[in-house]
PDB file of N, CA and C in Angstrom:
ATOM      1  N   UNK A   1    -170.539-144.145  84.723  1.00  0.00           N
ATOM      2  CA  UNK A   1    -170.794-142.907  84.013  1.00  0.00           C
ATOM      3  C   UNK A   1    -171.945-143.102  83.031  1.00  0.00           C
ATOM      4  N   UNK A   2    -172.729-142.100  82.882  1.00  0.00           N
ATOM      5  CA  UNK A   2    -173.886-142.190  82.003  1.00  0.00           C
ATOM      6  C   UNK A   2    -173.522-141.707  80.605  1.00  0.00           C
ATOM      7  N   UNK A   3    -173.883-142.490  79.596  1.00  0.00           N
ATOM      8  CA  UNK A   3    -173.645-142.088  78.205  1.00  0.00           C
ATOM      9  C   UNK A   3    -174.795-141.222  77.713  1.00  0.00           C
ATOM     10  N   UNK A   4    -174.443-140.201  76.934  1.00  0.00           N
ATOM     11  CA  UNK A   4    -175.474-139.346  76.353  1.00  0.00           C
ATOM     12  C   UNK A   4    -176.033-140.048  75.121  1.00  0.00           C
ATOM     13  N   UNK A   5    -177.337-140.128  75.036  1.00  0.00           N
ATOM     14  CA  UNK A   5    -177.972-140.792  73.916  1.00  0.00           C
ATOM     15  C   UNK A   5    -178.314-139.821  72.798  1.00  0.00           C
ATOM     16  N   UNK A   6    -178.510-138.565  73.124  1.00  0.00           N
ATOM     17  CA  UNK A   6    -178.902-137.574  72.131  1.00  0.00           C
ATOM     18  C   UNK A   6    -177.815-136.530  71.992  1.00  0.00           C
ATOM     19  N   UNK A   7    -177.534-136.136  70.769  1.00  0.00           N
ATOM     20  CA  UNK A   7    -176.639-135.015  70.539  1.00  0.00           C
ATOM     21  C   UNK A   7    -177.498-133.772  70.397  1.00  0.00           C
ATOM     22  N   UNK A   8    -177.063-132.709  71.017  1.00  0.00           N
ATOM     23  CA  UNK A   8    -177.832-131.471  70.961  1.00  0.00           C
ATOM     24  C   UNK A   8    -177.345-130.609  69.807  1.00  0.00           C
ATOM     25  N   UNK A   9    -178.270-129.996  69.114  1.00  0.00           N
ATOM     26  CA  UNK A   9    -177.940-129.065  68.055  1.00  0.00           C
ATOM     27  C   UNK A   9    -177.854-127.677  68.680  1.00  0.00           C
ATOM     28  N   UNK A  10    -176.640-127.158  68.825  1.00  0.00           N
ATOM     29  CA  UNK A  10    -176.458-125.889  69.524  1.00  0.00           C
ATOM     30  C   UNK A  10    -176.135-124.739  68.578  1.00  0.00           C
ATOM     31  N   UNK A  11    -176.406-124.913  67.288  1.00  0.00           N
ATOM     32  CA  UNK A  11    -176.167-123.830  66.338  1.00  0.00           C
ATOM     33  C   UNK A  11    -177.100-122.656  66.595  1.00  0.00           C
ATOM     34  N   UNK A  12    -178.293-122.940  67.033  1.00  0.00           N
ATOM     35  CA  UNK A  12    -179.220-121.866  67.389  1.00  0.00           C
ATOM     36  C   UNK A  12    -179.936-122.267  68.669  1.00  0.00           C
ATOM     37  N   UNK A  13    -180.041-121.321  69.579  1.00  0.00           N
ATOM     38  CA  UNK A  13    -180.620-121.597  70.886  1.00  0.00           C
ATOM     39  C   UNK A  13    -181.827-120.697  71.095  1.00  0.00           C
ATOM     40  N   UNK A  14    -182.903-121.259  71.567  1.00  0.00           N
ATOM     41  CA  UNK A  14    -184.061-120.474  71.961  1.00  0.00           C
ATOM     42  C   UNK A  14    -184.839-119.859  70.818  1.00  0.00           C
ATOM     43  N   UNK A  15    -184.725-120.388  69.624  1.00  0.00           N
ATOM     44  CA  UNK A  15    -185.498-119.880  68.509  1.00  0.00           C
ATOM     45  C   UNK A  15    -185.031-118.532  67.997  1.00  0.00           C
ATOM     46  N   UNK A  16    -183.788-118.170  68.255  1.00  0.00           N
ATOM     47  CA  UNK A  16    -183.278-116.894  67.768  1.00  0.00           C
ATOM     48  C   UNK A  16    -183.037-116.979  66.269  1.00  0.00           C
ATOM     49  N   UNK A  17    -183.260-115.878  65.596  1.00  0.00           N
ATOM     50  CA  UNK A  17    -182.982-115.809  64.167  1.00  0.00           C
ATOM     51  C   UNK A  17    -181.471-115.719  63.957  1.00  0.00           C
ATOM     52  N   UNK A  18    -180.977-116.140  62.815  1.00  0.00           N
ATOM     53  CA  UNK A  18    -179.535-116.017  62.554  1.00  0.00           C
ATOM     54  C   UNK A  18    -179.104-114.547  62.559  1.00  0.00           C
ATOM     55  N   UNK A  19    -177.829-114.340  62.820  1.00  0.00           N
ATOM     56  CA  UNK A  19    -177.313-112.969  62.864  1.00  0.00           C
ATOM     57  C   UNK A  19    -177.357-112.332  61.482  1.00  0.00           C
ATOM     58  N   UNK A  20    -177.623-111.044  61.466  1.00  0.00           N
ATOM     59  CA  UNK A  20    -177.572-110.312  60.203  1.00  0.00           C
ATOM     60  C   UNK A  20    -176.111-110.007  59.881  1.00  0.00           C
ATOM     61  N   UNK A  21    -175.857-109.617  58.658  1.00  0.00           N
ATOM     62  CA  UNK A  21    -174.491-109.303  58.237  1.00  0.00           C
ATOM     63  C   UNK A  21    -173.936-108.145  59.075  1.00  0.00           C
ATOM     64  N   UNK A  22    -174.768-107.168  59.375  1.00  0.00           N
ATOM     65  CA  UNK A  22    -174.342-106.015  60.176  1.00  0.00           C
ATOM     66  C   UNK A  22    -173.942-106.451  61.585  1.00  0.00           C
ATOM     67  N   UNK A  23    -174.740-107.336  62.188  1.00  0.00           N
ATOM     68  CA  UNK A  23    -174.423-107.830  63.521  1.00  0.00           C
ATOM     69  C   UNK A  23    -173.114-108.616  63.525  1.00  0.00           C
ATOM     70  N   UNK A  24    -172.898-109.428  62.485  1.00  0.00           N
ATOM     71  CA  UNK A  24    -171.656-110.182  62.371  1.00  0.00           C
ATOM     72  C   UNK A  24    -170.453-109.249  62.285  1.00  0.00           C
ATOM     73  N   UNK A  25    -170.583-108.162  61.522  1.00  0.00           N
ATOM     74  CA  UNK A  25    -169.491-107.203  61.381  1.00  0.00           C
ATOM     75  C   UNK A  25    -169.196-106.490  62.699  1.00  0.00           C
ATOM     76  N   UNK A  26    -170.237-106.143  63.446  1.00  0.00           N
ATOM     77  CA  UNK A  26    -170.054-105.474  64.733  1.00  0.00           C
ATOM     78  C   UNK A  26    -169.329-106.398  65.710  1.00  0.00           C
ATOM     79  N   UNK A  27    -169.736-107.648  65.765  1.00  0.00           N
ATOM     80  CA  UNK A  27    -169.095-108.617  66.660  1.00  0.00           C
ATOM     81  C   UNK A  27    -167.651-108.848  66.238  1.00  0.00           C
ATOM     82  N   UNK A  28    -167.423-108.972  64.943  1.00  0.00           N
ATOM     83  CA  UNK A  28    -166.072-109.181  64.436  1.00  0.00           C
ATOM     84  C   UNK A  28    -165.163-108.004  64.778  1.00  0.00           C
ATOM     85  N   UNK A  29    -165.655-106.787  64.628  1.00  0.00           N
ATOM     86  CA  UNK A  29    -164.863-105.599  64.949  1.00  0.00           C
ATOM     87  C   UNK A  29    -164.544-105.552  66.438  1.00  0.00           C
ATOM     88  N   UNK A  30    -165.501-105.933  67.273  1.00  0.00           N
ATOM     89  CA  UNK A  30    -165.268-105.958  68.717  1.00  0.00           C
ATOM     90  C   UNK A  30    -164.179-106.968  69.076  1.00  0.00           C
ATOM     91  N   UNK A  31    -164.232-108.148  68.493  1.00  0.00           N
ATOM     92  CA  UNK A  31    -163.238-109.182  68.781  1.00  0.00           C
ATOM     93  C   UNK A  31    -161.854-108.733  68.326  1.00  0.00           C
ATOM     94  N   UNK A  32    -161.755-108.130  67.143  1.00  0.00           N
ATOM     95  CA  UNK A  32    -160.465-107.642  66.651  1.00  0.00           C
ATOM     96  C   UNK A  32    -159.899-106.566  67.567  1.00  0.00           C
ATOM     97  N   UNK A  33    -160.753-105.644  68.008  1.00  0.00           N
ATOM     98  CA  UNK A  33    -160.299-104.569  68.902  1.00  0.00           C
ATOM     99  C   UNK A  33    -159.834-105.146  70.233  1.00  0.00           C
ATOM    100  N   UNK A  34    -160.550-106.141  70.730  1.00  0.00           N
ATOM    101  CA  UNK A  34    -160.181-106.765  71.998  1.00  0.00           C
ATOM    102  C   UNK A  34    -158.837-107.486  71.882  1.00  0.00           C
ATOM    103  N   UNK A  35    -158.593-108.169  70.764  1.00  0.00           N
ATOM    104  CA  UNK A  35    -157.313-108.850  70.547  1.00  0.00           C
ATOM    105  C   UNK A  35    -156.168-107.851  70.487  1.00  0.00           C
ATOM    106  N   UNK A  36    -156.386-106.721  69.819  1.00  0.00           N
ATOM    107  CA  UNK A  36    -155.350-105.692  69.735  1.00  0.00           C
ATOM    108  C   UNK A  36    -155.049-105.123  71.127  1.00  0.00           C
ATOM    109  N   UNK A  37    -156.103-104.913  71.917  1.00  0.00           N
ATOM    110  CA  UNK A  37    -155.925-104.381  73.257  1.00  0.00           C
ATOM    111  C   UNK A  37    -155.109-105.363  74.110  1.00  0.00           C
ATOM    112  N   UNK A  38    -155.398-106.652  73.981  1.00  0.00           N
ATOM    113  CA  UNK A  38    -154.653-107.656  74.732  1.00  0.00           C
ATOM    114  C   UNK A  38    -153.206-107.729  74.267  1.00  0.00           C
ATOM    115  N   UNK A  39    -152.989-107.603  72.953  1.00  0.00           N
ATOM    116  CA  UNK A  39    -151.638-107.655  72.412  1.00  0.00           C
ATOM    117  C   UNK A  39    -150.804-106.483  72.929  1.00  0.00           C
ATOM    118  N   UNK A  40    -151.397-105.305  72.983  1.00  0.00           N
ATOM    119  CA  UNK A  40    -150.695-104.114  73.487  1.00  0.00           C
ATOM    120  C   UNK A  40    -150.359-104.299  74.958  1.00  0.00           C
ATOM    121  N   UNK A  41    -151.286-104.828  75.723  1.00  0.00           N
ATOM    122  CA  UNK A  41    -151.055-105.059  77.146  1.00  0.00           C
ATOM    123  C   UNK A  41    -149.933-106.052  77.379  1.00  0.00           C
ATOM    124  N   UNK A  42    -149.859-107.100  76.565  1.00  0.00           N
ATOM    125  CA  UNK A  42    -148.801-108.098  76.704  1.00  0.00           C
ATOM    126  C   UNK A  42    -147.450-107.499  76.350  1.00  0.00           C
ATOM    127  N   UNK A  43    -147.398-106.675  75.297  1.00  0.00           N
ATOM    128  CA  UNK A  43    -146.126-106.099  74.900  1.00  0.00           C
ATOM    129  C   UNK A  43    -145.624-105.118  75.957  1.00  0.00           C
ATOM    130  N   UNK A  44    -146.527-104.397  76.594  1.00  0.00           N
ATOM    131  CA  UNK A  44    -146.133-103.481  77.674  1.00  0.00           C
ATOM    132  C   UNK A  44    -145.596-104.273  78.864  1.00  0.00           C
ATOM    133  N   UNK A  45    -146.249-105.391  79.155  1.00  0.00           N
ATOM    134  CA  UNK A  45    -145.833-106.200  80.294  1.00  0.00           C
ATOM    135  C   UNK A  45    -144.448-106.793  80.052  1.00  0.00           C
ATOM    136  N   UNK A  46    -144.180-107.316  78.850  1.00  0.00           N
ATOM    137  CA  UNK A  46    -142.879-107.903  78.569  1.00  0.00           C
ATOM    138  C   UNK A  46    -141.798-106.834  78.556  1.00  0.00           C
ATOM    139  N   UNK A  47    -142.112-105.634  78.068  1.00  0.00           N
ATOM    140  CA  UNK A  47    -141.130-104.545  78.054  1.00  0.00           C
ATOM    141  C   UNK A  47    -140.800-104.142  79.489  1.00  0.00           C
ATOM    142  N   UNK A  48    -141.798-104.109  80.340  1.00  0.00           N
ATOM    143  CA  UNK A  48    -141.605-103.756  81.737  1.00  0.00           C
ATOM    144  C   UNK A  48    -140.744-104.808  82.439  1.00  0.00           C
ATOM    145  N   UNK A  49    -141.007-106.089  82.130  1.00  0.00           N
ATOM    146  CA  UNK A  49    -140.239-107.157  82.760  1.00  0.00           C
ATOM    147  C   UNK A  49    -138.790-107.151  82.297  1.00  0.00           C
ATOM    148  N   UNK A  50    -138.561-106.868  81.023  1.00  0.00           N
ATOM    149  CA  UNK A  50    -137.203-106.842  80.490  1.00  0.00           C
ATOM    150  C   UNK A  50    -136.412-105.696  81.108  1.00  0.00           C
ATOM    151  N   UNK A  51    -137.064-104.551  81.326  1.00  0.00           N
ATOM    152  CA  UNK A  51    -136.343-103.408  81.895  1.00  0.00           C
ATOM    153  C   UNK A  51    -136.067-103.627  83.376  1.00  0.00           C
ATOM    154  N   UNK A  52    -136.836-104.480  84.046  1.00  0.00           N
ATOM    155  CA  UNK A  52    -136.641-104.729  85.463  1.00  0.00           C
ATOM    156  C   UNK A  52    -135.511-105.724  85.725  1.00  0.00           C
ATOM    157  N   UNK A  53    -135.165-106.529  84.715  1.00  0.00           N
ATOM    158  CA  UNK A  53    -134.095-107.516  84.881  1.00  0.00           C
ATOM    159  C   UNK A  53    -132.735-106.838  84.909  1.00  0.00           C
ATOM    160  N   UNK A  54    -131.844-107.289  85.791  1.00  0.00           N
ATOM    161  CA  UNK A  54    -130.503-106.702  85.802  1.00  0.00           C
ATOM    162  C   UNK A  54    -129.734-107.113  84.561  1.00  0.00           C
ATOM    163  N   UNK A  55    -128.925-106.216  84.044  1.00  0.00           N
ATOM    164  CA  UNK A  55    -128.177-106.477  82.808  1.00  0.00           C
ATOM    165  C   UNK A  55    -126.942-107.277  83.072  1.00  0.00           C
TER     166      UNK A  55
END
């Protein structure tokens, strides 16, 4: 196996400028909304599975 001799700095790629505060807020809001959507989907799935089980 080949050992890597250099560590790459991946904090910024391709000379992009850092995110602005507004961009950070937009991304954060999207991630929060996506987590809520996934949480709702999981709760619906578990409720459906519980109702399908015989008592």
